[in-house]
């Protein structure tokens, strides 16, 4: 099917889905206004409306990104098929910052750096390990440091160290200051590789996480695009987990990444609203200097710095081409740690976004503000899941909220919405060769993470910054059952609600359709929450 026809058909389906959202929310609000009388009914009703509104707003945002990505299909843009000729080879710094990462992981990464085919590169290993940290074994830390020195020497990698402070953002900022000739206290650069040609300073910086391994031709197309588009601050590329097939958690977390790095990033890029993801990204040093370096006030410094770029008039882009591969979390403990950090930093930036918006809404187009607000509120999804799971329980046990007594209207408006949105989502992802069950695994893993998202978003709203921590790599360990008490406790409550609903239905205690609807939701959430056990034993469940 031609691209234009596909875009028009999708736009029609999208319009129908958005109409169903509007009609559903209007009907739900009307039922609430007509039915809610007691304070508890009003409270729960408002929470449920907010939760459903949140879900539908973010669904709308996803479909808009798909639409923008499709609409830009025939326009000149940054794709693997539109790489301009590389007419010059400006010097590029290949950078990885590491805090006590496993040596085998580092050797794989630095070896891939060494094998990059770009001729005018200089590789830097930023050793951010805290060797004087209290409680560490001094002999073991001295051995680790010596092995890092030997690794950099063997692979001709330049080694940068300075007294420990902060985390990744601070380390990279100190390194950039050092390159620019600005004093950095007690910083030491041990040179093992070649210097930039003709005494030039590095024009671009390519940043990787310690477990991300670039393919040999990673640099050339990105530099070509950056050279052509002078106002590009950065180009982001996808993260691909090479341990995708390792176990259930690795596969599900990889599929979550796939959903984000397909249409969502393409749609953001089409609107010049792509944000930096902190790895597999090329950045223009001039742009970093203009915004004062990476934002050190957030544990998601990449997202925060992206806002600075855009407010200062720089552009961003996304190249949907797998150019590097790495390792995702392989157990719930590692996954929860990763998601907590992302949620804390992303929601924490919401305050900065609101502040910047109030200072000058005209500084960014409405589409960019929209994308930043969507991204910074995404991790409130934990609270949304809790509200959606608890409301059917409240109805079945206490008849609150009372507007569930009219489920005919609820189903009349809800079913078109759910059918349209699910169909559009599955169809759009099937065009990128993803199957339903694969996508379901990522959705289920996100759902059982709801307590982590709730804690992180609450702390972020309260202004708690948190600290950076690496995601564990290699191997998997099951969490103690006590660590899963929120998921399992709510699962048991949902099972109890379903059982009670069936008993009420048997005895004719309430409207039949209302009892069936709420009991069905309880069974649905019970099934979702039970997958916490499925993911907690990732090796057994394969």
Protein backbone atom coordinates (compact mmCIF):
# COMPACT_ATOMS: atom_id res chain seq x y z
CA UNK A 1 0.00 0.00 0.00
CA UNK A 2 1.34 3.47 -0.88
CA UNK A 3 2.64 5.58 1.97
CA UNK A 4 0.12 8.36 1.35
CA UNK A 5 -2.83 5.96 1.36
CA UNK A 6 -1.55 4.26 4.53
CA UNK A 7 -1.21 7.62 6.25
CA UNK A 8 -4.75 8.65 5.28
CA UNK A 9 -6.23 5.35 6.48
CA UNK A 10 -4.34 5.60 9.73
CA UNK A 11 -5.44 9.20 10.21
CA UNK A 12 -9.06 8.07 9.75
CA UNK A 13 -8.66 5.27 12.28
CA UNK A 14 -6.90 7.66 14.65
CA UNK A 15 -9.74 10.16 14.36
CA UNK A 16 -12.25 7.42 15.15
CA UNK A 17 -10.21 6.34 18.18
CA UNK A 18 -9.95 9.91 19.45
CA UNK A 19 -13.69 10.38 18.99
CA UNK A 20 -14.32 7.24 21.03
CA UNK A 21 -12.05 8.61 23.78
CA UNK A 22 -13.97 11.88 23.86
CA UNK A 23 -17.36 10.16 23.93
CA UNK A 24 -16.28 7.71 26.63
CA UNK A 25 -14.90 10.42 28.92
CA UNK A 26 -18.00 12.54 28.35
CA UNK A 27 -20.31 9.63 29.20
CA UNK A 28 -18.22 8.65 32.22
CA UNK A 29 -18.19 12.21 33.52
CA UNK A 30 -21.93 12.53 33.05
CA UNK A 31 -22.57 9.29 34.95
CA UNK A 32 -20.33 10.52 37.74
CA UNK A 33 -22.11 13.87 38.00
CA UNK A 34 -25.53 12.22 38.04
CA UNK A 35 -24.69 9.39 40.42
CA UNK A 36 -22.03 10.46 42.91
CA UNK A 37 -23.53 11.82 46.11
CA UNK A 38 -21.48 10.72 49.13
CA UNK A 39 -17.97 12.08 49.74
CA UNK A 40 -16.39 8.68 49.22
CA UNK A 41 -18.20 8.28 45.91
CA UNK A 42 -16.99 11.70 44.78
CA UNK A 43 -13.40 10.99 45.84
CA UNK A 44 -13.18 7.61 44.16
CA UNK A 45 -15.03 8.87 41.10
CA UNK A 46 -12.59 11.73 40.60
CA UNK A 47 -9.60 9.40 40.99
CA UNK A 48 -11.04 6.98 38.46
CA UNK A 49 -11.75 9.74 35.96
CA UNK A 50 -8.21 11.06 36.36
CA UNK A 51 -6.75 7.58 35.89
CA UNK A 52 -8.79 6.89 32.77
CA UNK A 53 -8.07 10.35 31.42
CA UNK A 54 -4.34 9.79 31.95
CA UNK A 55 -4.44 6.47 30.11
CA UNK A 56 -6.33 7.89 27.18
CA UNK A 57 -4.17 11.01 26.98
CA UNK A 58 -1.02 8.93 26.70
CA UNK A 59 -2.69 6.60 24.19
CA UNK A 60 -3.51 9.69 22.17
CA UNK A 61 0.15 10.78 22.43
CA UNK A 62 1.37 7.41 21.17
CA UNK A 63 -0.95 7.44 18.18
CA UNK A 64 0.04 11.00 17.34
CA UNK A 65 3.68 9.92 17.27
CA UNK A 66 2.80 7.08 14.92
CA UNK A 67 0.92 9.53 12.72
CA UNK A 68 3.78 12.05 12.67
CA UNK A 69 6.24 9.29 11.84
CA UNK A 70 4.11 8.08 8.92
CA UNK A 71 3.40 11.60 7.67
CA UNK A 72 7.13 12.33 7.53
CA UNK A 73 7.71 9.19 5.46
CA UNK A 74 8.00 11.01 2.13
CA UNK A 75 9.82 14.07 3.49
CA UNK A 76 13.61 14.46 3.67
CA UNK A 77 14.70 13.34 7.12
CA UNK A 78 17.35 11.44 9.00
CA UNK A 79 17.02 7.78 8.05
CA UNK A 80 19.37 4.97 7.15
CA UNK A 81 18.48 5.57 3.49
CA UNK A 82 19.22 9.31 3.42
CA UNK A 83 22.79 9.41 4.74
CA UNK A 84 24.64 12.29 3.03
CA UNK A 85 28.19 11.83 1.73
CA UNK A 86 30.89 12.26 4.38
CA UNK A 87 33.09 14.96 2.88
CA UNK A 88 35.37 15.47 5.88
CA UNK A 89 36.39 13.60 9.00
CA UNK A 90 36.34 16.01 11.95
CA UNK A 91 37.83 14.65 15.19
CA UNK A 92 35.41 12.71 17.38
CA UNK A 93 35.71 11.71 21.04
CA UNK A 94 34.35 8.23 21.82
CA UNK A 95 33.47 8.32 25.51
CA UNK A 96 32.35 5.82 28.12
CA UNK A 97 32.00 6.63 31.83
CA UNK A 98 32.21 3.69 34.22
CA UNK A 99 31.65 3.17 37.92
CA UNK A 100 33.08 -0.20 38.96
CA UNK A 101 31.66 -2.05 35.97
CA UNK A 102 32.67 -5.71 35.44
CA UNK A 103 36.00 -5.96 33.64
CA UNK A 104 34.76 -8.42 31.03
CA UNK A 105 31.94 -6.04 30.13
CA UNK A 106 34.40 -3.14 29.80
CA UNK A 107 36.81 -5.13 27.66
CA UNK A 108 34.04 -6.02 25.20
CA UNK A 109 32.97 -2.38 24.98
CA UNK A 110 36.45 -0.91 24.58
CA UNK A 111 37.34 -3.55 21.99
CA UNK A 112 34.32 -2.46 19.94
CA UNK A 113 35.48 1.15 20.27
CA UNK A 114 38.91 0.13 19.00
CA UNK A 115 37.30 -1.57 15.98
CA UNK A 116 35.28 1.48 14.91
CA UNK A 117 36.19 2.24 11.30
CA UNK A 118 36.06 6.04 11.63
CA UNK A 119 39.61 7.24 11.04
CA UNK A 120 39.73 10.43 13.12
CA UNK A 121 38.58 9.17 16.49
CA UNK A 122 40.01 9.28 19.98
CA UNK A 123 38.77 6.85 22.60
CA UNK A 124 38.38 7.94 26.22
CA UNK A 125 37.62 5.77 29.21
CA UNK A 126 36.31 7.91 32.08
CA UNK A 127 37.02 5.90 35.20
CA UNK A 128 34.53 7.17 37.77
CA UNK A 129 35.10 4.33 40.22
CA UNK A 130 35.43 5.49 43.81
CA UNK A 131 38.56 3.71 44.98
CA UNK A 132 38.54 5.25 48.46
CA UNK A 133 34.93 4.41 49.28
CA UNK A 134 34.52 3.33 52.92
CA UNK A 135 33.75 -0.36 53.33
CA UNK A 136 35.52 -1.48 50.15
CA UNK A 137 38.45 -3.91 50.27
CA UNK A 138 41.56 -1.74 49.57
CA UNK A 139 43.52 -4.64 48.07
CA UNK A 140 40.65 -5.62 45.77
CA UNK A 141 40.14 -2.01 44.66
CA UNK A 142 43.88 -1.59 43.99
CA UNK A 143 43.80 -4.72 41.85
CA UNK A 144 40.72 -3.48 39.97
CA UNK A 145 42.44 -0.15 39.27
CA UNK A 146 45.57 -1.88 38.03
CA UNK A 147 43.55 -4.08 35.69
CA UNK A 148 41.76 -1.00 34.31
CA UNK A 149 45.14 0.59 33.64
CA UNK A 150 46.33 -2.54 31.85
CA UNK A 151 43.15 -2.80 29.78
CA UNK A 152 43.43 0.80 28.56
CA UNK A 153 47.10 0.31 27.78
CA UNK A 154 46.49 -2.84 25.73
CA UNK A 155 43.63 -1.36 23.74
CA UNK A 156 45.24 2.08 23.31
CA UNK A 157 42.44 3.84 25.16
CA UNK A 158 42.98 7.21 26.83
CA UNK A 159 42.23 7.03 30.55
CA UNK A 160 40.74 9.98 32.43
CA UNK A 161 40.39 10.15 36.21
CA UNK A 162 39.58 12.83 38.73
CA UNK A 163 38.52 12.80 42.42
CA UNK A 164 35.09 11.23 42.71
CA UNK A 165 32.09 13.53 42.82
CA UNK A 166 28.55 13.06 41.64
CA UNK A 167 27.88 10.61 38.88
CA UNK A 168 27.96 10.26 35.09
CA UNK A 169 26.96 13.85 34.26
CA UNK A 170 29.61 15.34 36.53
CA UNK A 171 32.28 13.03 35.15
CA UNK A 172 31.56 13.91 31.52
CA UNK A 173 31.36 17.62 32.35
CA UNK A 174 34.76 17.51 34.08
CA UNK A 175 36.17 15.65 31.09
CA UNK A 176 34.81 18.27 28.66
CA UNK A 177 36.23 21.04 30.83
CA UNK A 178 39.60 19.28 30.79
CA UNK A 179 39.51 19.01 26.98
CA UNK A 180 38.66 22.70 26.73
CA UNK A 181 41.65 23.63 28.89
CA UNK A 182 39.60 24.65 31.92
CA UNK A 183 41.10 23.57 35.25
CA UNK A 184 39.71 20.42 36.85
CA UNK A 185 41.12 19.73 40.31
CA UNK A 186 43.49 16.75 40.38
CA UNK A 187 42.29 15.46 37.02
CA UNK A 188 44.70 13.17 35.19
CA UNK A 189 44.57 12.10 31.54
CA UNK A 190 46.80 9.16 30.67
CA UNK A 191 47.22 9.08 26.90
CA UNK A 192 47.50 5.73 25.16
CA UNK A 193 45.82 6.46 21.81
CA UNK A 194 46.43 8.92 18.99
CA UNK A 195 45.77 12.63 19.38
CA UNK A 196 43.33 14.39 17.03
CA UNK A 197 44.81 15.29 13.68
CA UNK A 198 46.66 18.59 13.27
CA UNK A 199 46.11 19.57 16.87
CA UNK A 200 42.33 19.89 16.37
CA UNK A 201 39.98 19.53 19.28
CA UNK A 202 37.17 17.01 19.14
CA UNK A 203 34.14 18.53 17.41
CA UNK A 204 31.73 15.78 18.45
CA UNK A 205 31.35 13.55 21.49
CA UNK A 206 29.79 10.10 21.22
CA UNK A 207 28.63 8.74 24.58
CA UNK A 208 28.05 5.10 25.41
CA UNK A 209 27.08 3.21 28.52
CA UNK A 210 29.68 0.73 29.72
CA UNK A 211 27.77 -2.27 28.35
CA UNK A 212 26.92 -0.83 24.94
CA UNK A 213 28.93 -2.21 22.04
CA UNK A 214 28.85 -0.18 18.79
CA UNK A 215 29.02 -1.77 15.37
CA UNK A 216 32.14 -0.84 13.35
CA UNK A 217 30.34 1.70 11.11
CA UNK A 218 28.57 3.48 13.96
CA UNK A 219 30.29 6.87 13.59
CA UNK A 220 30.33 7.71 9.88
CA UNK A 221 26.59 8.22 9.18
CA UNK A 222 26.07 10.20 12.37
CA UNK A 223 28.96 12.56 11.65
CA UNK A 224 27.69 12.99 8.08
CA UNK A 225 24.27 14.09 9.35
CA UNK A 226 25.78 16.36 12.01
CA UNK A 227 28.02 18.01 9.42
CA UNK A 228 25.06 18.65 7.12
CA UNK A 229 22.69 19.97 9.81
CA UNK A 230 24.61 22.61 11.74
CA UNK A 231 21.95 23.23 14.41
CA UNK A 232 21.63 19.59 15.44
CA UNK A 233 22.67 19.27 19.08
CA UNK A 234 22.53 15.49 19.01
CA UNK A 235 21.34 12.41 17.16
CA UNK A 236 20.00 9.53 19.24
CA UNK A 237 20.13 5.91 18.07
CA UNK A 238 18.30 2.89 19.55
CA UNK A 239 19.37 0.65 22.39
CA UNK A 240 19.23 -3.02 21.49
CA UNK A 241 19.69 -5.70 24.15
CA UNK A 242 21.92 -8.52 22.95
CA UNK A 243 20.75 -10.71 25.86
CA UNK A 244 17.22 -10.48 24.46
CA UNK A 245 16.79 -14.25 24.53
CA UNK A 246 18.54 -14.78 27.88
CA UNK A 247 15.36 -15.12 29.93
CA UNK A 248 11.88 -13.70 30.50
CA UNK A 249 12.91 -10.42 32.10
CA UNK A 250 15.58 -9.65 29.51
CA UNK A 251 13.13 -10.36 26.69
CA UNK A 252 10.27 -8.33 28.17
CA UNK A 253 12.49 -5.33 29.01
CA UNK A 254 13.95 -5.47 25.50
CA UNK A 255 10.46 -5.43 24.00
CA UNK A 256 9.57 -2.39 26.09
CA UNK A 257 12.58 -0.65 24.59
CA UNK A 258 11.46 -1.70 21.12
CA UNK A 259 8.05 -0.05 21.52
CA UNK A 260 9.74 3.19 22.58
CA UNK A 261 12.47 3.16 19.95
CA UNK A 262 10.13 2.48 17.06
CA UNK A 263 7.21 4.85 16.49
CA UNK A 264 7.50 6.97 19.63
CA UNK A 265 11.05 8.13 18.87
CA UNK A 266 10.30 8.51 15.18
CA UNK A 267 7.29 10.67 15.97
CA UNK A 268 9.25 12.81 18.40
CA UNK A 269 12.06 13.22 15.87
CA UNK A 270 9.60 14.28 13.15
CA UNK A 271 8.53 17.12 15.47
CA UNK A 272 12.12 17.99 16.45
CA UNK A 273 11.25 16.89 20.00
CA UNK A 274 13.52 13.86 20.44
CA UNK A 275 15.31 13.73 23.78
CA UNK A 276 18.71 12.27 24.56
CA UNK A 277 18.72 8.80 26.14
CA UNK A 278 22.28 8.96 27.50
CA UNK A 279 23.91 6.27 25.39
CA UNK A 280 24.44 5.49 21.68
CA UNK A 281 24.23 9.21 21.01
CA UNK A 282 26.42 11.75 19.22
CA UNK A 283 26.51 15.28 20.63
CA UNK A 284 27.92 18.51 19.26
CA UNK A 285 30.47 19.98 21.67
CA UNK A 286 29.46 23.50 20.68
CA UNK A 287 25.89 22.77 21.78
CA UNK A 288 27.06 21.26 25.07
CA UNK A 289 29.19 24.34 25.73
CA UNK A 290 26.19 26.55 24.93
CA UNK A 291 24.00 24.92 27.60
CA UNK A 292 26.76 24.56 30.19
CA UNK A 293 27.25 20.81 29.83
CA UNK A 294 25.11 17.99 31.10
CA UNK A 295 22.53 18.84 33.77
CA UNK A 296 23.92 17.46 37.05
CA UNK A 297 20.76 18.08 39.07
CA UNK A 298 18.98 14.96 37.80
CA UNK A 299 19.73 11.24 37.73
CA UNK A 300 18.39 11.33 34.16
CA UNK A 301 20.81 14.01 33.07
CA UNK A 302 20.26 13.17 29.40
CA UNK A 303 16.55 14.02 29.48
CA UNK A 304 17.16 17.19 31.49
CA UNK A 305 19.91 18.36 29.15
CA UNK A 306 17.66 17.81 26.13
CA UNK A 307 15.28 20.44 27.49
CA UNK A 308 18.19 22.87 27.76
CA UNK A 309 19.13 22.21 24.14
CA UNK A 310 15.64 22.83 22.83
CA UNK A 311 15.03 25.94 24.94
CA UNK A 312 18.32 27.36 23.62
CA UNK A 313 17.22 26.84 20.02
CA UNK A 314 19.09 23.65 19.16
CA UNK A 315 17.50 20.77 17.26
CA UNK A 316 17.57 17.02 17.85
CA UNK A 317 16.99 13.92 15.76
CA UNK A 318 16.64 10.17 15.93
CA UNK A 319 18.15 7.63 13.56
CA UNK A 320 16.14 4.40 13.67
CA UNK A 321 19.00 2.07 12.91
CA UNK A 322 20.45 -0.44 15.37
CA UNK A 323 24.05 0.70 15.57
CA UNK A 324 25.00 -0.77 18.97
CA UNK A 325 23.97 -3.59 21.25
CA UNK A 326 24.14 -4.03 25.01
CA UNK A 327 22.74 -5.86 28.00
CA UNK A 328 19.37 -5.39 29.65
CA UNK A 329 18.41 -6.42 33.19
CA UNK A 330 17.95 -10.16 33.64
CA UNK A 331 15.95 -10.27 36.86
CA UNK A 332 13.26 -8.26 38.62
CA UNK A 333 15.74 -6.76 41.07
CA UNK A 334 17.87 -5.30 38.29
CA UNK A 335 14.83 -4.23 36.29
CA UNK A 336 13.19 -2.53 39.27
CA UNK A 337 16.43 -0.67 40.01
CA UNK A 338 16.67 0.56 36.43
CA UNK A 339 13.03 1.63 36.28
CA UNK A 340 13.18 3.38 39.64
CA UNK A 341 16.09 5.52 38.48
CA UNK A 342 14.41 6.37 35.18
CA UNK A 343 11.09 7.19 36.85
CA UNK A 344 12.68 9.30 39.59
CA UNK A 345 14.68 11.39 37.15
CA UNK A 346 11.99 11.74 34.49
CA UNK A 347 9.17 12.74 36.84
CA UNK A 348 11.61 14.94 38.76
CA UNK A 349 12.12 16.98 35.61
CA UNK A 350 8.40 17.77 35.46
CA UNK A 351 8.95 20.67 37.86
CA UNK A 352 11.66 22.11 35.60
CA UNK A 353 9.42 21.72 32.56
CA UNK A 354 6.56 23.54 34.27
CA UNK A 355 8.94 26.26 35.45
CA UNK A 356 10.42 26.74 31.98
CA UNK A 357 6.96 26.75 30.44
CA UNK A 358 5.74 29.46 32.82
CA UNK A 359 8.86 31.55 32.18
CA UNK A 360 8.16 31.65 28.46
CA UNK A 361 5.71 29.36 26.65
CA UNK A 362 6.70 30.95 23.35
CA UNK A 363 10.27 29.62 23.59
CA UNK A 364 9.15 26.22 22.30
CA UNK A 365 6.40 25.20 19.87
CA UNK A 366 3.31 23.65 21.42
CA UNK A 367 4.24 20.23 19.99
CA UNK A 368 7.53 20.19 21.93
CA UNK A 369 5.92 21.22 25.21
CA UNK A 370 3.33 18.50 24.63
CA UNK A 371 6.04 15.86 24.12
CA UNK A 372 7.96 16.95 27.22
CA UNK A 373 4.83 16.92 29.37
CA UNK A 374 3.92 13.46 28.08
CA UNK A 375 7.39 12.05 28.73
CA UNK A 376 7.74 13.57 32.19
CA UNK A 377 4.35 12.26 33.36
CA UNK A 378 4.64 8.75 31.90
CA UNK A 379 5.78 7.14 35.15
CA UNK A 380 2.64 8.17 37.02
CA UNK A 381 1.35 5.01 35.37
CA UNK A 382 1.94 3.16 38.65
CA UNK A 383 -0.70 5.23 40.45
CA UNK A 384 -3.04 4.80 37.50
CA UNK A 385 -2.73 1.02 37.66
CA UNK A 386 -3.49 1.02 41.39
CA UNK A 387 -6.61 3.16 40.97
CA UNK A 388 -7.87 1.03 38.10
CA UNK A 389 -7.36 -2.16 40.13
CA UNK A 390 -8.90 -0.87 43.37
CA UNK A 391 -12.06 0.76 41.98
CA UNK A 392 -13.77 -2.53 40.96
CA UNK A 393 -12.96 -3.88 44.45
CA UNK A 394 -14.62 -0.89 46.07
CA UNK A 395 -17.74 -1.40 43.99
CA UNK A 396 -17.99 -5.12 44.70
CA UNK A 397 -17.40 -4.79 48.44
CA UNK A 398 -19.02 -1.40 49.17
CA UNK A 399 -21.02 -0.39 46.04
CA UNK A 400 -18.72 2.61 45.60
CA UNK A 401 -18.66 4.36 43.17
CA UNK A 402 -22.36 4.06 42.49
CA UNK A 403 -22.22 5.08 38.80
CA UNK A 404 -21.05 1.56 38.00
CA UNK A 405 -24.75 0.78 38.38
CA UNK A 406 -25.15 1.85 34.72
CA UNK A 407 -22.67 -0.48 33.00
CA UNK A 408 -24.68 -0.57 29.79
CA UNK A 409 -23.57 2.97 28.96
CA UNK A 410 -20.08 2.15 30.23
CA UNK A 411 -19.74 -0.76 27.82
CA UNK A 412 -21.42 1.15 25.00
CA UNK A 413 -18.74 3.83 25.04
CA UNK A 414 -15.79 1.83 26.42
CA UNK A 415 -15.85 -1.04 23.95
CA UNK A 416 -15.36 1.11 20.80
CA UNK A 417 -12.44 2.85 22.49
CA UNK A 418 -10.67 -0.33 23.59
CA UNK A 419 -11.25 -2.13 20.27
CA UNK A 420 -9.98 0.78 18.19
CA UNK A 421 -6.92 1.59 20.29
CA UNK A 422 -5.78 -2.01 20.73
CA UNK A 423 -6.27 -2.72 17.04
CA UNK A 424 -4.30 0.35 15.97
CA UNK A 425 -1.48 -0.41 18.43
CA UNK A 426 -1.16 -4.05 17.37
CA UNK A 427 -1.37 -3.21 13.68
CA UNK A 428 1.26 -0.47 13.91
CA UNK A 429 3.70 -2.73 15.76
CA UNK A 430 3.01 -5.66 13.44
CA UNK A 431 4.33 -3.49 10.62
CA UNK A 432 7.68 -3.62 12.45
CA UNK A 433 7.44 -7.43 12.77
CA UNK A 434 6.40 -7.57 16.45
CA UNK A 435 3.87 -10.21 17.49
CA UNK A 436 1.08 -9.84 20.04
CA UNK A 437 2.55 -12.15 22.69
CA UNK A 438 5.93 -10.41 22.46
CA UNK A 439 4.33 -7.03 23.07
CA UNK A 440 2.19 -8.46 25.87
CA UNK A 441 5.29 -9.54 27.78
CA UNK A 442 6.62 -5.98 27.87
CA UNK A 443 3.23 -4.60 28.93
CA UNK A 444 2.89 -7.18 31.72
CA UNK A 445 6.37 -6.47 33.05
CA UNK A 446 5.59 -2.76 33.20
CA UNK A 447 2.29 -3.46 34.99
CA UNK A 448 3.87 -5.48 37.81
CA UNK A 449 6.37 -2.66 38.33
CA UNK A 450 3.60 -0.34 39.56
CA UNK A 451 4.87 -0.07 43.20
CA UNK A 452 8.31 1.00 41.93
CA UNK A 453 6.76 3.69 39.74
CA UNK A 454 4.56 4.88 42.59
CA UNK A 455 7.47 5.25 45.01
CA UNK A 456 9.75 6.91 42.45
CA UNK A 457 7.14 9.38 41.22
CA UNK A 458 6.13 10.32 44.77
CA UNK A 459 9.74 10.98 45.76
CA UNK A 460 10.26 12.97 42.57
CA UNK A 461 7.23 15.17 43.27
CA UNK A 462 8.58 15.76 46.78
CA UNK A 463 11.88 16.90 45.30
CA UNK A 464 14.05 13.91 46.24
CA UNK A 465 16.85 13.70 43.69
CA UNK A 466 18.16 10.22 44.46
CA UNK A 467 21.54 8.83 43.48
CA UNK A 468 22.88 7.13 40.37
CA UNK A 469 23.36 3.37 40.40
CA UNK A 470 24.38 0.96 37.68
CA UNK A 471 21.99 -1.72 36.50
CA UNK A 472 23.28 -5.20 37.42
CA UNK A 473 24.50 -7.13 34.39
CA UNK A 474 24.78 -10.86 33.81
CA UNK A 475 22.97 -13.55 35.74
CA UNK A 476 19.61 -13.48 37.47
CA UNK A 477 18.46 -13.81 41.06
CA UNK A 478 14.88 -14.25 42.24
CA UNK A 479 13.57 -11.71 44.71
CA UNK A 480 12.30 -12.88 48.13
CA UNK A 481 8.51 -13.15 48.10
CA UNK A 482 8.33 -10.42 50.75
CA UNK A 483 9.72 -7.94 48.20
CA UNK A 484 6.70 -8.66 46.01
CA UNK A 485 4.09 -8.10 48.70
CA UNK A 486 2.38 -5.15 46.90
CA UNK A 487 1.88 -7.18 43.73
CA UNK A 488 0.86 -10.40 45.46
CA UNK A 489 -1.28 -8.66 48.08
CA UNK A 490 -3.23 -6.78 45.44
CA UNK A 491 -3.54 -10.01 43.40
CA UNK A 492 -5.15 -11.76 46.37
CA UNK A 493 -7.48 -8.82 46.90
CA UNK A 494 -8.53 -9.00 43.23
CA UNK A 495 -9.12 -12.73 43.54
CA UNK A 496 -11.24 -12.07 46.63
CA UNK A 497 -13.17 -9.38 44.75
CA UNK A 498 -13.86 -11.74 41.86
CA UNK A 499 -15.05 -14.47 44.24
CA UNK A 500 -17.27 -12.04 46.14
CA UNK A 501 -18.68 -10.70 42.89
CA UNK A 502 -19.60 -14.20 41.75
CA UNK A 503 -21.29 -14.87 45.10
CA UNK A 504 -23.28 -11.66 44.81
CA UNK A 505 -24.24 -12.61 41.28
CA UNK A 506 -25.36 -16.07 42.46
CA UNK A 507 -27.57 -14.53 45.14
CA UNK A 508 -28.89 -11.76 42.90
CA UNK A 509 -27.36 -9.07 45.11
CA UNK A 510 -26.98 -6.24 42.63
CA UNK A 511 -27.28 -5.43 38.93
CA UNK A 512 -26.12 -8.43 36.90
CA UNK A 513 -24.11 -6.54 34.28
CA UNK A 514 -22.47 -4.29 36.87
CA UNK A 515 -21.36 -7.30 38.90
CA UNK A 516 -20.06 -9.06 35.80
CA UNK A 517 -18.17 -5.99 34.61
CA UNK A 518 -16.40 -5.35 37.90
CA UNK A 519 -15.76 -9.02 38.56
CA UNK A 520 -14.22 -9.26 35.10
CA UNK A 521 -11.88 -6.38 35.88
CA UNK A 522 -10.86 -8.07 39.13
CA UNK A 523 -10.03 -11.29 37.28
CA UNK A 524 -8.13 -9.31 34.66
CA UNK A 525 -5.96 -7.54 37.23
CA UNK A 526 -5.45 -10.78 39.18
CA UNK A 527 -4.06 -12.44 36.05
CA UNK A 528 -1.74 -9.51 35.37
CA UNK A 529 -0.42 -9.34 38.93
CA UNK A 530 0.26 -13.06 39.09
CA UNK A 531 2.85 -12.63 36.34
CA UNK A 532 5.10 -11.14 39.03
CA UNK A 533 5.80 -14.78 39.97
CA UNK A 534 6.33 -15.62 36.31
CA UNK A 535 8.99 -12.91 35.95
CA UNK A 536 10.56 -13.57 39.35
CA UNK A 537 11.78 -16.97 38.16
CA UNK A 538 12.94 -15.95 34.68
CA UNK A 539 15.07 -19.03 34.01
CA UNK A 540 12.37 -21.50 35.08
CA UNK A 541 9.58 -19.80 33.16
CA UNK A 542 11.19 -19.89 29.72
